[in-house]
Amino acid sequence: MAIKPKYVKQLATLLLEKYPQSFNTDFETNKENVTKLTNVESKGVRNRIAGYITRKKASSAASA
């Protein structure tokens, strides 16, 4: 797994804390929600944030 930049982790964690119901284990859904909830203009950064959130949700679902 690649190491994510600090700002990706921070923003993803903040989004998960503020809007936990908005995200799930589906990358496409998470990508749309990141677009709606933030002002991130870069497609690459948006995808990294959505991917990180997807990984976090998948790992928490697997351990539950």
C-alpha atoms as a PDB file:
ATOM      1  CA  MET A   1       0.000   0.000   0.000  1.00  0.00           C
ATOM      2  CA  ALA A   2       1.337   3.433  -0.915  1.00  0.00           C
ATOM      3  CA  ILE A   3       1.866   5.978   1.811  1.00  0.00           C
ATOM      4  CA  LYS A   4      -0.697   8.752   1.490  1.00  0.00           C
ATOM      5  CA  PRO A   5       0.276  12.393   1.947  1.00  0.00           C
ATOM      6  CA  LYS A   6      -0.623  13.873   5.301  1.00  0.00           C
ATOM      7  CA  TYR A   7      -3.278  16.235   3.894  1.00  0.00           C
ATOM      8  CA  VAL A   8      -5.127  13.305   2.275  1.00  0.00           C
ATOM      9  CA  LYS A   9      -5.290  11.442   5.580  1.00  0.00           C
ATOM     10  CA  GLN A  10      -6.284  14.559   7.522  1.00  0.00           C
ATOM     11  CA  LEU A  11      -9.078  15.554   5.151  1.00  0.00           C
ATOM     12  CA  ALA A  12     -10.369  11.976   4.872  1.00  0.00           C
ATOM     13  CA  THR A  13     -10.415  11.593   8.655  1.00  0.00           C
ATOM     14  CA  LEU A  14     -12.217  14.914   9.049  1.00  0.00           C
ATOM     15  CA  LEU A  15     -14.837  13.919   6.469  1.00  0.00           C
ATOM     16  CA  LEU A  16     -15.378  10.539   8.153  1.00  0.00           C
ATOM     17  CA  GLU A  17     -15.855  12.235  11.529  1.00  0.00           C
ATOM     18  CA  LYS A  18     -18.276  14.883  10.229  1.00  0.00           C
ATOM     19  CA  TYR A  19     -20.231  12.781   7.703  1.00  0.00           C
ATOM     20  CA  PRO A  20     -19.915   9.082   8.627  1.00  0.00           C
ATOM     21  CA  GLN A  21     -23.202   8.133   6.922  1.00  0.00           C
ATOM     22  CA  SER A  22     -22.110   9.663   3.601  1.00  0.00           C
ATOM     23  CA  PHE A  23     -19.393   7.080   2.954  1.00  0.00           C
ATOM     24  CA  ASN A  24     -19.314   3.310   2.431  1.00  0.00           C
ATOM     25  CA  THR A  25     -17.085   0.679   0.807  1.00  0.00           C
ATOM     26  CA  ASP A  26     -17.960   1.752  -2.762  1.00  0.00           C
ATOM     27  CA  PHE A  27     -15.270   3.950  -4.339  1.00  0.00           C
ATOM     28  CA  GLU A  28     -17.583   5.586  -6.914  1.00  0.00           C
ATOM     29  CA  THR A  29     -20.075   6.671  -4.245  1.00  0.00           C
ATOM     30  CA  ASN A  30     -17.282   7.979  -2.033  1.00  0.00           C
ATOM     31  CA  LYS A  31     -15.797   9.891  -4.976  1.00  0.00           C
ATOM     32  CA  GLU A  32     -19.106  11.674  -5.607  1.00  0.00           C
ATOM     33  CA  ASN A  33     -19.519  12.512  -1.912  1.00  0.00           C
ATOM     34  CA  VAL A  34     -15.987  13.910  -1.644  1.00  0.00           C
ATOM     35  CA  THR A  35     -16.811  16.157  -4.606  1.00  0.00           C
ATOM     36  CA  LYS A  36     -20.036  17.352  -2.947  1.00  0.00           C
ATOM     37  CA  LEU A  37     -18.589  17.882   0.533  1.00  0.00           C
ATOM     38  CA  THR A  38     -15.262  19.553  -0.339  1.00  0.00           C
ATOM     39  CA  ASN A  39     -13.855  22.142  -2.703  1.00  0.00           C
ATOM     40  CA  VAL A  40     -11.033  19.892  -3.943  1.00  0.00           C
ATOM     41  CA  GLU A  41     -10.524  20.764  -7.612  1.00  0.00           C
ATOM     42  CA  SER A  42      -7.831  18.225  -8.456  1.00  0.00           C
ATOM     43  CA  LYS A  43      -9.199  14.949  -9.774  1.00  0.00           C
ATOM     44  CA  GLY A  44      -6.156  13.051  -8.529  1.00  0.00           C
ATOM     45  CA  VAL A  45      -6.400  14.402  -4.990  1.00  0.00           C
ATOM     46  CA  ARG A  46     -10.152  13.748  -4.918  1.00  0.00           C
ATOM     47  CA  ASN A  47      -9.572  10.151  -5.985  1.00  0.00           C
ATOM     48  CA  ARG A  48      -6.851   9.653  -3.372  1.00  0.00           C
ATOM     49  CA  ILE A  49      -9.158  10.945  -0.628  1.00  0.00           C
ATOM     50  CA  ALA A  50     -12.040   8.751  -1.831  1.00  0.00           C
ATOM     51  CA  GLY A  51      -9.720   5.745  -2.073  1.00  0.00           C
ATOM     52  CA  TYR A  52      -8.367   6.297   1.422  1.00  0.00           C
ATOM     53  CA  ILE A  53     -11.907   6.573   2.817  1.00  0.00           C
ATOM     54  CA  THR A  54     -12.887   3.384   0.961  1.00  0.00           C
ATOM     55  CA  ARG A  55      -9.925   1.522   2.465  1.00  0.00           C
ATOM     56  CA  LYS A  56     -10.756   2.781   5.966  1.00  0.00           C
ATOM     57  CA  LYS A  57     -14.402   1.768   5.651  1.00  0.00           C
ATOM     58  CA  ALA A  58     -13.508  -1.647   4.207  1.00  0.00           C
ATOM     59  CA  SER A  59     -11.025  -2.376   7.001  1.00  0.00           C
ATOM     60  CA  SER A  60     -13.467  -1.279   9.701  1.00  0.00           C
ATOM     61  CA  ALA A  61     -16.238  -3.395   8.139  1.00  0.00           C
ATOM     62  CA  ALA A  62     -13.957  -6.448   7.974  1.00  0.00           C
ATOM     63  CA  SER A  63     -12.900  -6.128  11.615  1.00  0.00           C
ATOM     64  CA  ALA A  64     -16.462  -5.626  12.892  1.00  0.00           C
END
